[in-house]
Amino acid sequence: MDALRPDNRLSKGKGQMRISTHVRGRTLHITISRCARVESMQSTLQDMFRCVKAAEESMASAKPLQKPRGRSGNKRFK
């Protein structure tokens, strides 16, 4: 959802296309309204899917955080 947030901020003018996103459980919901042309909606959806794909690829390539070691590790920090 955060990957799509910048797009949401661009369409705030009166009568312009609006995009809203929210998460319910593990599902991302995208609502597009006030779209005057199908071509505009199609272009917007393509942009959004590119952002989602980039976010998924970034998350897939990220390494998981390692759990901190027990107290027997470095004793300089309490």
PDB file of N, CA and C in Angstrom:
ATOM      1  N   MET A   1       0.826  -1.186   0.000  1.00  0.00           N
ATOM      2  CA  MET A   1       0.000   0.000   0.000  1.00  0.00           C
ATOM      3  C   MET A   1       0.874   1.254   0.000  1.00  0.00           C
ATOM      4  N   ASP A   2       1.972   1.216   0.755  1.00  0.00           N
ATOM      5  CA  ASP A   2       2.860   2.377   0.798  1.00  0.00           C
ATOM      6  C   ASP A   2       3.482   2.678  -0.562  1.00  0.00           C
ATOM      7  N   ALA A   3       3.719   1.650  -1.364  1.00  0.00           N
ATOM      8  CA  ALA A   3       4.292   1.855  -2.691  1.00  0.00           C
ATOM      9  C   ALA A   3       3.336   2.622  -3.604  1.00  0.00           C
ATOM     10  N   LEU A   4       2.053   2.591  -3.312  1.00  0.00           N
ATOM     11  CA  LEU A   4       1.054   3.268  -4.137  1.00  0.00           C
ATOM     12  C   LEU A   4       0.670   4.634  -3.609  1.00  0.00           C
ATOM     13  N   ARG A   5       1.055   4.959  -2.407  1.00  0.00           N
ATOM     14  CA  ARG A   5       0.638   6.201  -1.761  1.00  0.00           C
ATOM     15  C   ARG A   5       0.947   7.470  -2.564  1.00  0.00           C
ATOM     16  N   PRO A   6       2.131   7.630  -3.185  1.00  0.00           N
ATOM     17  CA  PRO A   6       2.373   8.851  -3.970  1.00  0.00           C
ATOM     18  C   PRO A   6       1.345   9.069  -5.067  1.00  0.00           C
ATOM     19  N   ASP A   7       0.881   8.004  -5.727  1.00  0.00           N
ATOM     20  CA  ASP A   7      -0.147   8.146  -6.761  1.00  0.00           C
ATOM     21  C   ASP A   7      -1.448   8.675  -6.174  1.00  0.00           C
ATOM     22  N   ASN A   8      -1.760   8.277  -4.958  1.00  0.00           N
ATOM     23  CA  ASN A   8      -2.994   8.734  -4.323  1.00  0.00           C
ATOM     24  C   ASN A   8      -2.984  10.240  -4.108  1.00  0.00           C
ATOM     25  N   ARG A   9      -1.841  10.808  -3.834  1.00  0.00           N
ATOM     26  CA  ARG A   9      -1.755  12.239  -3.529  1.00  0.00           C
ATOM     27  C   ARG A   9      -1.863  13.119  -4.768  1.00  0.00           C
ATOM     28  N   LEU A  10      -1.637  12.563  -5.949  1.00  0.00           N
ATOM     29  CA  LEU A  10      -1.627  13.376  -7.154  1.00  0.00           C
ATOM     30  C   LEU A  10      -3.019  13.739  -7.658  1.00  0.00           C
ATOM     31  N   SER A  11      -4.015  12.950  -7.369  1.00  0.00           N
ATOM     32  CA  SER A  11      -5.348  13.131  -7.953  1.00  0.00           C
ATOM     33  C   SER A  11      -6.323  13.727  -6.942  1.00  0.00           C
ATOM     34  N   LYS A  12      -6.101  14.947  -6.526  1.00  0.00           N
ATOM     35  CA  LYS A  12      -6.958  15.557  -5.511  1.00  0.00           C
ATOM     36  C   LYS A  12      -7.847  16.672  -6.058  1.00  0.00           C
ATOM     37  N   GLY A  13      -7.688  17.068  -7.314  1.00  0.00           N
ATOM     38  CA  GLY A  13      -8.458  18.176  -7.855  1.00  0.00           C
ATOM     39  C   GLY A  13      -9.929  17.838  -8.040  1.00  0.00           C
ATOM     40  N   LYS A  14     -10.756  18.871  -8.078  1.00  0.00           N
ATOM     41  CA  LYS A  14     -12.194  18.679  -8.246  1.00  0.00           C
ATOM     42  C   LYS A  14     -12.483  18.109  -9.630  1.00  0.00           C
ATOM     43  N   GLY A  15     -13.256  17.025  -9.673  1.00  0.00           N
ATOM     44  CA  GLY A  15     -13.630  16.411 -10.938  1.00  0.00           C
ATOM     45  C   GLY A  15     -12.574  15.501 -11.529  1.00  0.00           C
ATOM     46  N   GLN A  16     -11.402  15.407 -10.901  1.00  0.00           N
ATOM     47  CA  GLN A  16     -10.351  14.532 -11.414  1.00  0.00           C
ATOM     48  C   GLN A  16     -10.498  13.124 -10.854  1.00  0.00           C
ATOM     49  N   MET A  17      -9.830  12.203 -11.542  1.00  0.00           N
ATOM     50  CA  MET A  17      -9.851  10.816 -11.110  1.00  0.00           C
ATOM     51  C   MET A  17      -9.331  10.709  -9.678  1.00  0.00           C
ATOM     52  N   ARG A  18      -9.960   9.850  -8.899  1.00  0.00           N
ATOM     53  CA  ARG A  18      -9.543   9.612  -7.519  1.00  0.00           C
ATOM     54  C   ARG A  18      -9.156   8.154  -7.358  1.00  0.00           C
ATOM     55  N   ILE A  19      -8.096   7.954  -6.596  1.00  0.00           N
ATOM     56  CA  ILE A  19      -7.616   6.608  -6.302  1.00  0.00           C
ATOM     57  C   ILE A  19      -7.517   6.487  -4.795  1.00  0.00           C
ATOM     58  N   SER A  20      -8.135   5.458  -4.245  1.00  0.00           N
ATOM     59  CA  SER A  20      -7.992   5.219  -2.814  1.00  0.00           C
ATOM     60  C   SER A  20      -7.595   3.768  -2.599  1.00  0.00           C
ATOM     61  N   THR A  21      -6.789   3.562  -1.581  1.00  0.00           N
ATOM     62  CA  THR A  21      -6.340   2.217  -1.250  1.00  0.00           C
ATOM     63  C   THR A  21      -6.534   1.981   0.240  1.00  0.00           C
ATOM     64  N   HIS A  22      -6.840   0.761   0.585  1.00  0.00           N
ATOM     65  CA  HIS A  22      -6.866   0.371   1.997  1.00  0.00           C
ATOM     66  C   HIS A  22      -6.618  -1.131   2.084  1.00  0.00           C
ATOM     67  N   VAL A  23      -6.176  -1.545   3.238  1.00  0.00           N
ATOM     68  CA  VAL A  23      -5.883  -2.954   3.473  1.00  0.00           C
ATOM     69  C   VAL A  23      -6.918  -3.512   4.429  1.00  0.00           C
ATOM     70  N   ARG A  24      -7.457  -4.650   4.062  1.00  0.00           N
ATOM     71  CA  ARG A  24      -8.392  -5.376   4.931  1.00  0.00           C
ATOM     72  C   ARG A  24      -7.837  -6.788   5.078  1.00  0.00           C
ATOM     73  N   GLY A  25      -7.337  -7.086   6.262  1.00  0.00           N
ATOM     74  CA  GLY A  25      -6.678  -8.374   6.462  1.00  0.00           C
ATOM     75  C   GLY A  25      -5.377  -8.396   5.674  1.00  0.00           C
ATOM     76  N   ARG A  26      -5.268  -9.361   4.768  1.00  0.00           N
ATOM     77  CA  ARG A  26      -4.072  -9.476   3.931  1.00  0.00           C
ATOM     78  C   ARG A  26      -4.359  -9.054   2.487  1.00  0.00           C
ATOM     79  N   THR A  27      -5.473  -8.335   2.282  1.00  0.00           N
ATOM     80  CA  THR A  27      -5.897  -7.964   0.939  1.00  0.00           C
ATOM     81  C   THR A  27      -5.820  -6.458   0.741  1.00  0.00           C
ATOM     82  N   LEU A  28      -5.196  -6.033  -0.348  1.00  0.00           N
ATOM     83  CA  LEU A  28      -5.127  -4.622  -0.715  1.00  0.00           C
ATOM     84  C   LEU A  28      -6.309  -4.309  -1.622  1.00  0.00           C
ATOM     85  N   HIS A  29      -7.103  -3.327  -1.251  1.00  0.00           N
ATOM     86  CA  HIS A  29      -8.248  -2.894  -2.049  1.00  0.00           C
ATOM     87  C   HIS A  29      -7.905  -1.563  -2.700  1.00  0.00           C
ATOM     88  N   ILE A  30      -8.122  -1.474  -4.009  1.00  0.00           N
ATOM     89  CA  ILE A  30      -7.872  -0.252  -4.775  1.00  0.00           C
ATOM     90  C   ILE A  30      -9.193   0.175  -5.396  1.00  0.00           C
ATOM     91  N   THR A  31      -9.570   1.431  -5.165  1.00  0.00           N
ATOM     92  CA  THR A  31     -10.798   1.970  -5.746  1.00  0.00           C
ATOM     93  C   THR A  31     -10.435   3.152  -6.632  1.00  0.00           C
ATOM     94  N   ILE A  32     -10.888   3.114  -7.875  1.00  0.00           N
ATOM     95  CA  ILE A  32     -10.680   4.212  -8.816  1.00  0.00           C
ATOM     96  C   ILE A  32     -12.046   4.775  -9.156  1.00  0.00           C
ATOM     97  N   SER A  33     -12.208   6.075  -8.974  1.00  0.00           N
ATOM     98  CA  SER A  33     -13.486   6.709  -9.293  1.00  0.00           C
ATOM     99  C   SER A  33     -13.255   8.007 -10.059  1.00  0.00           C
ATOM    100  N   ARG A  34     -14.318   8.500 -10.635  1.00  0.00           N
ATOM    101  CA  ARG A  34     -14.311   9.749 -11.403  1.00  0.00           C
ATOM    102  C   ARG A  34     -13.347   9.700 -12.580  1.00  0.00           C
ATOM    103  N   CYS A  35     -13.287   8.572 -13.230  1.00  0.00           N
ATOM    104  CA  CYS A  35     -12.404   8.430 -14.384  1.00  0.00           C
ATOM    105  C   CYS A  35     -13.210   8.706 -15.649  1.00  0.00           C
ATOM    106  N   ALA A  36     -12.826   9.742 -16.382  1.00  0.00           N
ATOM    107  CA  ALA A  36     -13.598  10.163 -17.557  1.00  0.00           C
ATOM    108  C   ALA A  36     -13.356   9.261 -18.762  1.00  0.00           C
ATOM    109  N   ARG A  37     -12.139   8.683 -18.863  1.00  0.00           N
ATOM    110  CA  ARG A  37     -11.812   7.867 -20.040  1.00  0.00           C
ATOM    111  C   ARG A  37     -11.266   6.514 -19.612  1.00  0.00           C
ATOM    112  N   VAL A  38     -11.660   5.493 -20.317  1.00  0.00           N
ATOM    113  CA  VAL A  38     -11.182   4.139 -20.035  1.00  0.00           C
ATOM    114  C   VAL A  38      -9.664   4.072 -20.219  1.00  0.00           C
ATOM    115  N   GLU A  39      -9.138   4.771 -21.211  1.00  0.00           N
ATOM    116  CA  GLU A  39      -7.699   4.769 -21.472  1.00  0.00           C
ATOM    117  C   GLU A  39      -6.918   5.323 -20.279  1.00  0.00           C
ATOM    118  N   SER A  40      -7.472   6.343 -19.623  1.00  0.00           N
ATOM    119  CA  SER A  40      -6.820   6.915 -18.437  1.00  0.00           C
ATOM    120  C   SER A  40      -6.799   5.908 -17.303  1.00  0.00           C
ATOM    121  N   MET A  41      -7.903   5.200 -17.115  1.00  0.00           N
ATOM    122  CA  MET A  41      -7.958   4.193 -16.060  1.00  0.00           C
ATOM    123  C   MET A  41      -6.972   3.063 -16.358  1.00  0.00           C
ATOM    124  N   GLN A  42      -6.909   2.643 -17.607  1.00  0.00           N
ATOM    125  CA  GLN A  42      -5.997   1.570 -17.987  1.00  0.00           C
ATOM    126  C   GLN A  42      -4.549   1.978 -17.733  1.00  0.00           C
ATOM    127  N   SER A  43      -4.190   3.186 -18.095  1.00  0.00           N
ATOM    128  CA  SER A  43      -2.836   3.681 -17.863  1.00  0.00           C
ATOM    129  C   SER A  43      -2.517   3.759 -16.369  1.00  0.00           C
ATOM    130  N   THR A  44      -3.479   4.223 -15.593  1.00  0.00           N
ATOM    131  CA  THR A  44      -3.304   4.316 -14.144  1.00  0.00           C
ATOM    132  C   THR A  44      -3.120   2.943 -13.526  1.00  0.00           C
ATOM    133  N   LEU A  45      -3.932   1.974 -13.945  1.00  0.00           N
ATOM    134  CA  LEU A  45      -3.803   0.613 -13.432  1.00  0.00           C
ATOM    135  C   LEU A  45      -2.450   0.001 -13.790  1.00  0.00           C
ATOM    136  N   GLN A  46      -1.983   0.243 -15.010  1.00  0.00           N
ATOM    137  CA  GLN A  46      -0.666  -0.262 -15.405  1.00  0.00           C
ATOM    138  C   GLN A  46       0.428   0.325 -14.518  1.00  0.00           C
ATOM    139  N   ASP A  47       0.352   1.624 -14.246  1.00  0.00           N
ATOM    140  CA  ASP A  47       1.326   2.269 -13.352  1.00  0.00           C
ATOM    141  C   ASP A  47       1.267   1.667 -11.958  1.00  0.00           C
ATOM    142  N   MET A  48       0.068   1.450 -11.457  1.00  0.00           N
ATOM    143  CA  MET A  48      -0.088   0.896 -10.113  1.00  0.00           C
ATOM    144  C   MET A  48       0.466  -0.524 -10.043  1.00  0.00           C
ATOM    145  N   PHE A  49       0.189  -1.337 -11.060  1.00  0.00           N
ATOM    146  CA  PHE A  49       0.703  -2.703 -11.061  1.00  0.00           C
ATOM    147  C   PHE A  49       2.228  -2.726 -11.152  1.00  0.00           C
ATOM    148  N   ARG A  50       2.816  -1.757 -11.875  1.00  0.00           N
ATOM    149  CA  ARG A  50       4.279  -1.657 -11.905  1.00  0.00           C
ATOM    150  C   ARG A  50       4.824  -1.360 -10.513  1.00  0.00           C
ATOM    151  N   CYS A  51       4.164  -0.471  -9.794  1.00  0.00           N
ATOM    152  CA  CYS A  51       4.589  -0.145  -8.427  1.00  0.00           C
ATOM    153  C   CYS A  51       4.461  -1.356  -7.507  1.00  0.00           C
ATOM    154  N   VAL A  52       3.366  -2.085  -7.633  1.00  0.00           N
ATOM    155  CA  VAL A  52       3.158  -3.279  -6.805  1.00  0.00           C
ATOM    156  C   VAL A  52       4.231  -4.320  -7.121  1.00  0.00           C
ATOM    157  N   LYS A  53       4.510  -4.516  -8.401  1.00  0.00           N
ATOM    158  CA  LYS A  53       5.527  -5.495  -8.794  1.00  0.00           C
ATOM    159  C   LYS A  53       6.897  -5.103  -8.250  1.00  0.00           C
ATOM    160  N   ALA A  54       7.249  -3.826  -8.343  1.00  0.00           N
ATOM    161  CA  ALA A  54       8.537  -3.364  -7.821  1.00  0.00           C
ATOM    162  C   ALA A  54       8.616  -3.576  -6.308  1.00  0.00           C
ATOM    163  N   ALA A  55       7.529  -3.312  -5.604  1.00  0.00           N
ATOM    164  CA  ALA A  55       7.505  -3.511  -4.149  1.00  0.00           C
ATOM    165  C   ALA A  55       7.646  -4.990  -3.810  1.00  0.00           C
ATOM    166  N   GLU A  56       6.953  -5.855  -4.543  1.00  0.00           N
ATOM    167  CA  GLU A  56       7.059  -7.300  -4.297  1.00  0.00           C
ATOM    168  C   GLU A  56       8.477  -7.800  -4.550  1.00  0.00           C
ATOM    169  N   GLU A  57       9.093  -7.330  -5.633  1.00  0.00           N
ATOM    170  CA  GLU A  57      10.455  -7.759  -5.948  1.00  0.00           C
ATOM    171  C   GLU A  57      11.442  -7.266  -4.896  1.00  0.00           C
ATOM    172  N   SER A  58      11.226  -6.055  -4.396  1.00  0.00           N
ATOM    173  CA  SER A  58      12.098  -5.520  -3.346  1.00  0.00           C
ATOM    174  C   SER A  58      11.976  -6.335  -2.069  1.00  0.00           C
ATOM    175  N   MET A  59      10.760  -6.678  -1.694  1.00  0.00           N
ATOM    176  CA  MET A  59      10.546  -7.464  -0.478  1.00  0.00           C
ATOM    177  C   MET A  59      11.107  -8.876  -0.628  1.00  0.00           C
ATOM    178  N   ALA A  60      10.997  -9.448  -1.815  1.00  0.00           N
ATOM    179  CA  ALA A  60      11.497 -10.805  -2.041  1.00  0.00           C
ATOM    180  C   ALA A  60      13.016 -10.856  -1.972  1.00  0.00           C
ATOM    181  N   SER A  61      13.682  -9.782  -2.370  1.00  0.00           N
ATOM    182  CA  SER A  61      15.149  -9.786  -2.370  1.00  0.00           C
ATOM    183  C   SER A  61      15.731  -9.337  -1.032  1.00  0.00           C
ATOM    184  N   ALA A  62      14.907  -8.799  -0.151  1.00  0.00           N
ATOM    185  CA  ALA A  62      15.394  -8.350   1.161  1.00  0.00           C
ATOM    186  C   ALA A  62      15.704  -9.549   2.041  1.00  0.00           C
ATOM    187  N   LYS A  63      16.755  -9.410   2.825  1.00  0.00           N
ATOM    188  CA  LYS A  63      17.127 -10.479   3.748  1.00  0.00           C
ATOM    189  C   LYS A  63      16.356 -10.290   5.044  1.00  0.00           C
ATOM    190  N   PRO A  64      15.861 -11.379   5.628  1.00  0.00           N
ATOM    191  CA  PRO A  64      15.157 -11.240   6.913  1.00  0.00           C
ATOM    192  C   PRO A  64      16.122 -10.812   8.010  1.00  0.00           C
ATOM    193  N   LEU A  65      15.612 -10.077   8.975  1.00  0.00           N
ATOM    194  CA  LEU A  65      16.431  -9.664  10.106  1.00  0.00           C
ATOM    195  C   LEU A  65      16.760 -10.864  10.966  1.00  0.00           C
ATOM    196  N   GLN A  66      17.979 -10.869  11.464  1.00  0.00           N
ATOM    197  CA  GLN A  66      18.376 -11.953  12.347  1.00  0.00           C
ATOM    198  C   GLN A  66      17.983 -11.611  13.771  1.00  0.00           C
ATOM    199  N   LYS A  67      17.613 -12.633  14.527  1.00  0.00           N
ATOM    200  CA  LYS A  67      17.256 -12.419  15.916  1.00  0.00           C
ATOM    201  C   LYS A  67      18.518 -12.062  16.707  1.00  0.00           C
ATOM    202  N   PRO A  68      18.410 -11.141  17.665  1.00  0.00           N
ATOM    203  CA  PRO A  68      19.587 -10.809  18.469  1.00  0.00           C
ATOM    204  C   PRO A  68      20.018 -12.011  19.299  1.00  0.00           C
ATOM    205  N   ARG A  69      21.302 -12.088  19.519  1.00  0.00           N
ATOM    206  CA  ARG A  69      21.829 -13.190  20.321  1.00  0.00           C
ATOM    207  C   ARG A  69      21.473 -13.003  21.780  1.00  0.00           C
ATOM    208  N   GLY A  70      21.534 -14.084  22.524  1.00  0.00           N
ATOM    209  CA  GLY A  70      21.233 -14.037  23.955  1.00  0.00           C
ATOM    210  C   GLY A  70      22.230 -13.196  24.724  1.00  0.00           C
ATOM    211  N   ARG A  71      22.074 -13.119  26.005  1.00  0.00           N
ATOM    212  CA  ARG A  71      22.918 -12.277  26.836  1.00  0.00           C
ATOM    213  C   ARG A  71      24.363 -12.764  26.885  1.00  0.00           C
ATOM    214  N   SER A  72      24.629 -13.951  26.439  1.00  0.00           N
ATOM    215  CA  SER A  72      25.991 -14.464  26.490  1.00  0.00           C
ATOM    216  C   SER A  72      26.855 -13.864  25.384  1.00  0.00           C
ATOM    217  N   GLY A  73      26.272 -13.090  24.489  1.00  0.00           N
ATOM    218  CA  GLY A  73      27.016 -12.461  23.399  1.00  0.00           C
ATOM    219  C   GLY A  73      27.864 -11.310  23.899  1.00  0.00           C
ATOM    220  N   ASN A  74      27.802 -10.187  23.262  1.00  0.00           N
ATOM    221  CA  ASN A  74      28.602  -9.024  23.605  1.00  0.00           C
ATOM    222  C   ASN A  74      28.105  -8.430  24.919  1.00  0.00           C
ATOM    223  N   LYS A  75      28.961  -8.421  25.934  1.00  0.00           N
ATOM    224  CA  LYS A  75      28.529  -7.967  27.260  1.00  0.00           C
ATOM    225  C   LYS A  75      28.681  -6.470  27.453  1.00  0.00           C
ATOM    226  N   ARG A  76      29.127  -5.749  26.419  1.00  0.00           N
ATOM    227  CA  ARG A  76      29.236  -4.296  26.544  1.00  0.00           C
ATOM    228  C   ARG A  76      27.858  -3.642  26.576  1.00  0.00           C
ATOM    229  N   PHE A  77      26.850  -4.303  26.051  1.00  0.00           N
ATOM    230  CA  PHE A  77      25.513  -3.732  25.979  1.00  0.00           C
ATOM    231  C   PHE A  77      24.585  -4.490  26.896  1.00  0.00           C
ATOM    232  N   LYS A  78      23.819  -3.777  27.682  1.00  0.00           N
ATOM    233  CA  LYS A  78      22.862  -4.409  28.591  1.00  0.00           C
ATOM    234  C   LYS A  78      21.455  -4.153  28.146  1.00  0.00           C
TER     235      LYS A  78
END
